[in-house]
Amino acid sequence: MSDHPDVALADLSCVANDVWLDALFWIDRVEVGTKFALIDARFGRLVATHLNLRKWRLGELGVHRAPSGWDRGGTAAVTVMDDNALINRLPLATCPAPGGVIGFSAIYIWYVDLEVIAFLQCLQRVINRGIAVQFTIHSTDLRCWAVMAQRIWPLISHAVLALNDMKAVNFALLCRHVSPNVLFDCANLRAITNTHMFPIRPPPSAVHINALLNPPEEFNEKPKNNVYRWLHTPRKDGRPKIVTIRKWRKPQWASFMPSLITFFIAPSAVPVNFLVICHIACKTNFQKMERENEETDERLTLNARVPADAVIVRCRNGTDQRTVNAWEKEANQMLDNLLCFTIKDSDIGPELLAELMANE
């Protein structure tokens, strides 16, 4: 190929579009978008076609307040990260993601204003494919909770597949500020992962299985009871619910297993599929268990797994181990599209803050 730009461009123009589209799969997306697309209008169209044909996931992104001296427009910026190291800082997208974008590793929200909410709306198609949510918002940051309840949760609640790294206080705050039935309002919620608490049976007034399956009408029960109630509520599609507990605790375990058995063998028991995984101390010994309920054609099992997990499975008789393993693998995949909110009242943009104050 000639070193002269005009001659080189003529040589490139002789290559068929199909050949270029095949070649672009071997070139980094950044190079494709920032260099190749700028050659001329034809190559710009080729890049647009390539980005729509190619299926790819965004990596780790961090959304934060625009730094001092920022001259690229907007009040917020997005940081492209790799292993928590900054690679590039860009303005927020203002148009929908290309059709080829099918997901992301994680998006960390450290700042929120009207531009950030618009950015989430631009990602709505990707979010609709299913996300995991994790958040750190303190109970004293009431305006942040107002933003979550009024602006953010309506955008994402239908797409939440998993809640990650949840403490009892997180559940309590969600129920208080968003909805007392927040777990039941998320119709696609299938997993609560890395939780710090054991699901505990509701008090004696709600031990009847029919009462258990009715979500509370108001915020009047503890988060651990709410999670227990959610776990025992069957999904319409029959797919299993999954809870992973971060740390084994003997007192809670002593009451947790008997309560599961009680509801499993209850005369009015309703069939439900679930998987509970508890990370245990290596020296902990417990008795393996298997129960059957002929009326519901189910079994409830407790087994150990290397290196140190207690695995509780409730499922239909005839469900093989391969299916159970697939359930767990699917739960881990739900954490791929992680949307993590770590914000304080001081992280709210001025225009959004003015709206909140006007409504207080």
Protein backbone atom coordinates (compact mmCIF):
# COMPACT_ATOMS: atom_id res chain seq x y z
CA MET A 1 0.00 0.00 0.00
CA SER A 2 1.26 3.46 -0.86
CA ASP A 3 2.49 5.83 1.84
CA HIS A 4 0.68 8.71 0.15
CA PRO A 5 -2.65 9.35 1.99
CA ASP A 6 -4.77 9.82 -1.14
CA VAL A 7 -3.39 6.72 -2.83
CA ALA A 8 -3.71 4.70 0.38
CA LEU A 9 -7.35 5.75 0.73
CA ALA A 10 -8.02 4.67 -2.85
CA ASP A 11 -6.45 1.29 -2.08
CA LEU A 12 -8.63 0.91 1.02
CA SER A 13 -11.73 1.79 -0.99
CA CYS A 14 -11.15 -1.20 -3.27
CA VAL A 15 -11.70 -3.63 -0.38
CA ALA A 16 -15.26 -4.97 -0.18
CA ASN A 17 -17.48 -4.07 2.80
CA ASP A 18 -17.84 -7.72 3.87
CA VAL A 19 -14.06 -8.05 4.08
CA TRP A 20 -13.81 -4.91 6.20
CA LEU A 21 -16.57 -6.11 8.54
CA ASP A 22 -14.70 -9.39 9.06
CA ALA A 23 -11.46 -7.50 9.70
CA LEU A 24 -13.02 -5.12 12.22
CA PHE A 25 -13.72 -7.98 14.63
CA TRP A 26 -9.96 -8.25 15.16
CA ILE A 27 -9.45 -4.57 15.90
CA ASP A 28 -9.97 -2.98 19.32
CA ARG A 29 -13.32 -1.16 19.59
CA VAL A 30 -11.63 2.07 20.70
CA GLU A 31 -9.42 2.06 17.60
CA VAL A 32 -12.44 1.29 15.42
CA GLY A 33 -14.51 4.12 16.86
CA THR A 34 -11.88 6.83 17.22
CA LYS A 35 -9.74 6.26 14.10
CA PHE A 36 -11.28 3.94 11.54
CA ALA A 37 -14.70 5.63 11.64
CA LEU A 38 -13.13 9.02 10.90
CA ILE A 39 -11.54 8.06 7.57
CA ASP A 40 -14.59 9.03 5.53
CA ALA A 41 -18.38 8.63 5.42
CA ARG A 42 -18.21 5.10 4.00
CA PHE A 43 -16.02 3.83 6.82
CA GLY A 44 -18.20 5.66 9.33
CA ARG A 45 -21.19 3.67 8.08
CA LEU A 46 -19.14 0.45 8.22
CA VAL A 47 -18.27 1.13 11.85
CA ALA A 48 -21.93 1.80 12.69
CA THR A 49 -22.89 -1.51 11.06
CA HIS A 50 -20.05 -3.31 12.84
CA LEU A 51 -21.03 -1.99 16.27
CA ASN A 52 -24.62 -3.12 15.74
CA LEU A 53 -23.62 -6.58 14.48
CA ARG A 54 -20.97 -7.22 17.10
CA LYS A 55 -22.25 -8.37 20.49
CA TRP A 56 -20.15 -7.07 23.34
CA ARG A 57 -20.29 -6.06 26.95
CA LEU A 58 -19.12 -2.84 28.54
CA GLY A 59 -16.48 -3.23 31.22
CA GLU A 60 -16.35 -1.46 34.59
CA LEU A 61 -17.61 2.13 34.57
CA GLY A 62 -17.66 4.69 37.36
CA VAL A 63 -20.06 7.66 37.25
CA HIS A 64 -18.90 10.65 39.28
CA ARG A 65 -19.03 14.43 39.49
CA ALA A 66 -17.11 16.10 36.68
CA PRO A 67 -13.63 17.08 37.92
CA SER A 68 -12.53 20.68 38.33
CA GLY A 69 -11.59 22.19 34.99
CA TRP A 70 -13.64 19.66 33.03
CA ASP A 71 -14.10 21.10 29.54
CA ARG A 72 -15.92 18.26 27.78
CA GLY A 73 -19.45 19.32 28.73
CA GLY A 74 -21.87 18.19 31.39
CA THR A 75 -21.78 18.10 35.17
CA ALA A 76 -20.93 14.39 35.44
CA ALA A 77 -18.35 12.12 33.85
CA VAL A 78 -17.88 8.40 33.40
CA THR A 79 -14.60 6.69 34.19
CA VAL A 80 -13.59 3.58 32.27
CA MET A 81 -11.80 1.24 34.69
CA ASP A 82 -9.82 -1.99 34.61
CA ASP A 83 -9.25 -3.73 37.95
CA ASN A 84 -10.26 -0.47 39.67
CA ALA A 85 -7.56 1.44 37.78
CA LEU A 86 -8.60 4.49 35.73
CA ILE A 87 -8.14 4.02 31.99
CA ASN A 88 -10.06 6.94 30.53
CA ARG A 89 -12.53 9.64 31.55
CA LEU A 90 -15.37 10.48 29.18
CA PRO A 91 -18.57 12.57 29.13
CA LEU A 92 -21.81 10.71 29.81
CA ALA A 93 -23.59 9.21 26.82
CA THR A 94 -26.66 11.16 25.72
CA CYS A 95 -28.09 8.65 23.23
CA PRO A 96 -29.13 5.00 23.56
CA ALA A 97 -26.39 2.37 23.59
CA PRO A 98 -25.66 0.68 20.23
CA GLY A 99 -27.65 -2.46 19.53
CA GLY A 100 -24.50 -4.56 19.88
CA VAL A 101 -24.11 -3.69 23.58
CA ILE A 102 -25.71 -6.56 25.52
CA GLY A 103 -24.48 -5.87 29.05
CA PHE A 104 -21.77 -4.53 31.34
CA SER A 105 -19.50 -5.81 34.08
CA ALA A 106 -20.36 -3.14 36.64
CA ILE A 107 -21.46 0.48 36.80
CA TYR A 108 -20.60 2.29 40.04
CA ILE A 109 -22.70 5.38 40.75
CA TRP A 110 -20.88 7.86 43.02
CA TYR A 111 -22.80 10.97 41.97
CA VAL A 112 -26.38 11.54 40.84
CA ASP A 113 -28.06 14.42 39.04
CA LEU A 114 -30.43 14.87 36.10
CA GLU A 115 -27.68 13.98 33.62
CA VAL A 116 -26.92 10.72 35.43
CA ILE A 117 -30.60 9.76 35.45
CA ALA A 118 -30.74 10.53 31.71
CA PHE A 119 -27.64 8.33 31.27
CA LEU A 120 -29.43 5.43 32.98
CA GLN A 121 -32.38 6.01 30.66
CA CYS A 122 -29.99 5.74 27.70
CA LEU A 123 -28.99 2.32 29.05
CA GLN A 124 -32.62 1.25 29.55
CA ARG A 125 -32.53 -1.41 26.83
CA VAL A 126 -29.42 -2.97 28.36
CA ILE A 127 -30.82 -2.70 31.89
CA ASN A 128 -34.02 -4.41 30.76
CA ARG A 129 -31.99 -7.56 30.04
CA GLY A 130 -31.55 -7.98 33.79
CA ILE A 131 -29.29 -6.46 36.45
CA ALA A 132 -27.94 -7.02 39.93
CA VAL A 133 -28.21 -4.13 42.39
CA GLN A 134 -25.97 -3.24 45.30
CA PHE A 135 -26.04 -0.03 47.29
CA THR A 136 -24.51 1.82 50.20
CA ILE A 137 -26.82 4.67 51.21
CA HIS A 138 -26.91 5.58 54.90
CA SER A 139 -30.16 5.98 56.79
CA THR A 140 -29.41 9.68 57.42
CA ASP A 141 -29.11 10.47 53.69
CA LEU A 142 -32.85 10.99 53.27
CA ARG A 143 -32.59 12.93 50.02
CA CYS A 144 -30.60 10.11 48.44
CA TRP A 145 -33.39 7.74 49.42
CA ALA A 146 -35.90 10.14 47.88
CA VAL A 147 -33.92 10.04 44.62
CA MET A 148 -33.80 6.24 44.79
CA ALA A 149 -37.54 5.91 45.43
CA GLN A 150 -38.78 8.57 42.99
CA ARG A 151 -36.28 8.57 40.13
CA ILE A 152 -34.09 5.46 40.07
CA TRP A 153 -36.14 2.54 41.39
CA PRO A 154 -38.97 3.01 38.83
CA LEU A 155 -36.33 2.70 36.07
CA ILE A 156 -34.76 -0.52 37.32
CA SER A 157 -37.13 -2.45 39.63
CA HIS A 158 -38.66 -4.55 36.83
CA ALA A 159 -35.17 -5.64 35.72
CA VAL A 160 -33.66 -6.54 39.11
CA LEU A 161 -32.62 -10.21 39.04
CA ALA A 162 -30.40 -10.12 42.12
CA LEU A 163 -29.74 -8.02 45.22
CA ASN A 164 -26.10 -8.29 46.24
CA ASP A 165 -24.22 -7.77 49.51
CA MET A 166 -27.37 -7.00 51.45
CA LYS A 167 -27.37 -6.32 55.19
CA ALA A 168 -30.46 -6.19 57.39
CA VAL A 169 -30.30 -2.39 57.40
CA ASN A 170 -30.31 -2.34 53.58
CA PHE A 171 -33.55 -4.34 53.49
CA ALA A 172 -35.09 -2.17 56.20
CA LEU A 173 -34.24 1.05 54.35
CA LEU A 174 -35.57 -0.31 51.05
CA CYS A 175 -38.84 -1.28 52.72
CA ARG A 176 -39.14 2.05 54.54
CA HIS A 177 -38.30 4.41 51.68
CA VAL A 178 -39.22 2.51 48.51
CA SER A 179 -41.98 0.01 49.34
CA PRO A 180 -42.83 -2.30 52.28
CA ASN A 181 -43.24 -5.06 49.67
CA VAL A 182 -40.10 -4.21 47.73
CA LEU A 183 -39.01 -7.86 47.41
CA PHE A 184 -42.40 -8.83 46.03
CA ASP A 185 -42.67 -5.76 43.80
CA CYS A 186 -39.54 -6.90 41.91
CA ALA A 187 -41.30 -9.50 39.78
CA ASN A 188 -38.06 -10.82 38.28
CA LEU A 189 -36.04 -10.96 41.50
CA ARG A 190 -34.53 -14.44 41.75
CA ALA A 191 -31.45 -14.16 43.94
CA ILE A 192 -30.30 -12.47 47.14
CA THR A 193 -26.56 -12.98 47.22
CA ASN A 194 -23.87 -12.46 49.85
CA THR A 195 -26.46 -11.49 52.42
CA HIS A 196 -25.29 -11.01 56.00
CA MET A 197 -28.42 -12.41 57.66
CA PHE A 198 -30.37 -15.63 57.90
CA PRO A 199 -33.98 -15.63 56.65
CA ILE A 200 -36.03 -16.27 59.80
CA ARG A 201 -39.62 -17.50 60.06
CA PRO A 202 -42.16 -14.75 60.81
CA PRO A 203 -43.65 -14.65 64.33
CA PRO A 204 -46.25 -17.23 65.47
CA SER A 205 -49.19 -15.15 64.23
CA ALA A 206 -47.98 -15.76 60.66
CA VAL A 207 -46.86 -19.38 60.85
CA HIS A 208 -49.79 -20.67 58.81
CA ILE A 209 -48.59 -21.30 55.29
CA ASN A 210 -51.35 -19.20 53.69
CA ALA A 211 -50.46 -16.24 55.91
CA LEU A 212 -46.80 -16.72 55.09
CA LEU A 213 -47.42 -16.36 51.36
CA ASN A 214 -49.24 -13.03 51.72
CA PRO A 215 -46.78 -10.11 51.69
CA PRO A 216 -47.15 -7.62 54.56
CA GLU A 217 -49.47 -4.70 53.91
CA GLU A 218 -47.21 -2.30 55.73
CA PHE A 219 -43.69 -2.11 57.04
CA ASN A 220 -44.26 -4.05 60.24
CA GLU A 221 -41.95 -7.05 60.11
CA LYS A 222 -38.22 -7.54 60.34
CA PRO A 223 -36.14 -7.83 57.15
CA LYS A 224 -35.11 -11.41 57.95
CA ASN A 225 -38.82 -12.34 58.16
CA ASN A 226 -39.49 -10.57 54.87
CA VAL A 227 -36.74 -12.52 53.11
CA TYR A 228 -38.05 -15.79 54.56
CA ARG A 229 -41.52 -14.95 53.27
CA TRP A 230 -40.13 -14.09 49.82
CA LEU A 231 -38.11 -17.33 49.69
CA HIS A 232 -41.24 -19.43 50.27
CA THR A 233 -43.38 -17.58 47.72
CA PRO A 234 -43.40 -19.60 44.46
CA ARG A 235 -42.60 -17.89 41.19
CA LYS A 236 -45.25 -18.14 38.50
CA ASP A 237 -42.71 -19.63 36.09
CA GLY A 238 -41.55 -22.24 38.61
CA ARG A 239 -37.93 -21.10 38.50
CA PRO A 240 -35.97 -21.37 41.75
CA LYS A 241 -35.13 -18.57 44.14
CA ILE A 242 -31.61 -18.46 45.49
CA VAL A 243 -30.16 -17.05 48.70
CA THR A 244 -26.46 -17.13 49.52
CA ILE A 245 -25.51 -16.37 53.12
CA ARG A 246 -22.07 -14.92 53.66
CA LYS A 247 -21.28 -16.41 57.07
CA TRP A 248 -22.52 -19.41 59.04
CA ARG A 249 -23.73 -18.59 62.57
CA LYS A 250 -24.64 -21.42 64.90
CA PRO A 251 -27.54 -19.77 66.83
CA GLN A 252 -29.34 -18.68 63.65
CA TRP A 253 -28.63 -21.99 61.94
CA ALA A 254 -30.15 -23.88 64.87
CA SER A 255 -33.53 -22.22 64.28
CA PHE A 256 -33.26 -21.81 60.51
CA MET A 257 -33.18 -25.49 59.53
CA PRO A 258 -36.11 -26.59 61.77
CA SER A 259 -38.24 -23.73 60.41
CA LEU A 260 -37.55 -24.84 56.83
CA ILE A 261 -38.55 -28.40 57.71
CA THR A 262 -41.71 -27.21 59.50
CA PHE A 263 -43.02 -25.41 56.45
CA PHE A 264 -41.86 -28.17 54.12
CA ILE A 265 -43.95 -30.86 55.84
CA ALA A 266 -46.93 -28.61 56.68
CA PRO A 267 -50.26 -30.10 55.48
CA SER A 268 -51.02 -27.00 53.43
CA ALA A 269 -47.51 -26.67 52.00
CA VAL A 270 -47.22 -25.09 48.55
CA PRO A 271 -44.56 -26.44 46.14
CA VAL A 272 -41.63 -24.07 45.69
CA ASN A 273 -38.11 -24.36 44.31
CA PHE A 274 -35.24 -22.71 46.16
CA LEU A 275 -31.54 -23.03 46.84
CA VAL A 276 -29.82 -21.71 49.97
CA ILE A 277 -26.02 -21.69 50.15
CA CYS A 278 -24.29 -20.83 53.42
CA HIS A 279 -20.53 -20.37 53.70
CA ILE A 280 -19.43 -22.24 56.82
CA ALA A 281 -16.31 -22.53 58.95
CA CYS A 282 -14.08 -25.37 57.77
CA LYS A 283 -14.26 -27.14 61.16
CA THR A 284 -18.04 -26.99 61.38
CA ASN A 285 -19.78 -30.37 61.42
CA PHE A 286 -23.47 -30.78 60.68
CA GLN A 287 -25.77 -33.66 59.93
CA LYS A 288 -26.75 -34.20 56.32
CA MET A 289 -30.48 -34.40 55.83
CA GLU A 290 -33.10 -35.40 53.27
CA ARG A 291 -36.86 -35.15 53.70
CA GLU A 292 -39.69 -35.90 51.29
CA ASN A 293 -43.22 -34.57 51.06
CA GLU A 294 -45.38 -37.01 49.12
CA GLU A 295 -48.31 -34.61 48.93
CA THR A 296 -46.33 -31.94 47.07
CA ASP A 297 -43.94 -34.44 45.40
CA GLU A 298 -40.94 -32.52 46.76
CA ARG A 299 -37.74 -33.14 48.62
CA LEU A 300 -35.70 -30.96 50.98
CA THR A 301 -32.00 -31.78 51.29
CA LEU A 302 -28.99 -30.48 53.21
CA ASN A 303 -25.53 -31.39 51.98
CA ALA A 304 -21.95 -30.23 52.34
CA ARG A 305 -19.86 -29.06 49.43
CA VAL A 306 -16.14 -28.61 49.08
CA PRO A 307 -14.47 -26.41 50.20
CA ALA A 308 -16.86 -25.13 52.89
CA ASP A 309 -20.49 -24.64 51.96
CA ALA A 310 -23.77 -25.93 53.33
CA VAL A 311 -26.25 -26.33 50.48
CA ILE A 312 -30.00 -26.55 51.10
CA VAL A 313 -32.20 -27.49 48.16
CA ARG A 314 -35.98 -27.65 47.98
CA CYS A 315 -37.24 -28.97 44.66
CA ARG A 316 -39.46 -31.47 42.93
CA ASN A 317 -38.64 -35.16 43.24
CA GLY A 318 -36.63 -36.26 40.23
CA THR A 319 -34.64 -33.02 39.96
CA ASP A 320 -31.05 -34.15 39.34
CA GLN A 321 -27.81 -32.61 40.59
CA ARG A 322 -26.99 -31.25 37.15
CA THR A 323 -30.12 -29.10 37.27
CA VAL A 324 -29.26 -27.84 40.76
CA ASN A 325 -25.73 -26.96 39.60
CA ALA A 326 -27.24 -25.05 36.67
CA TRP A 327 -29.38 -23.05 39.11
CA GLU A 328 -26.31 -21.98 41.06
CA LYS A 329 -24.36 -21.14 37.91
CA GLU A 330 -27.24 -19.00 36.70
CA ALA A 331 -27.32 -17.16 40.03
CA ASN A 332 -23.63 -16.30 39.67
CA GLN A 333 -24.25 -15.02 36.14
CA MET A 334 -26.95 -12.68 37.48
CA LEU A 335 -24.15 -10.64 39.10
CA ASP A 336 -22.59 -9.80 35.73
CA ASN A 337 -24.63 -6.63 35.16
CA LEU A 338 -23.97 -5.03 38.54
CA LEU A 339 -25.38 -1.57 39.24
CA CYS A 340 -23.82 -0.28 42.46
CA PHE A 341 -24.96 2.93 44.21
CA THR A 342 -22.62 4.51 46.75
CA ILE A 343 -23.96 8.01 47.31
CA LYS A 344 -24.54 10.59 50.04
CA ASP A 345 -26.74 13.68 50.14
CA SER A 346 -23.67 15.73 49.23
CA ASP A 347 -23.39 13.71 46.00
CA ILE A 348 -26.66 15.07 44.58
CA GLY A 349 -26.39 17.62 41.75
CA PRO A 350 -27.75 21.17 42.29
CA GLU A 351 -30.72 20.98 39.88
CA LEU A 352 -31.93 17.65 41.25
CA LEU A 353 -31.36 18.90 44.79
CA ALA A 354 -33.49 21.97 44.07
CA GLU A 355 -36.32 19.72 42.86
CA LEU A 356 -36.12 17.62 46.01
CA MET A 357 -36.12 20.66 48.29
CA ALA A 358 -39.13 22.12 46.47
CA ASN A 359 -41.10 18.94 47.20
CA GLU A 360 -40.11 18.67 50.87
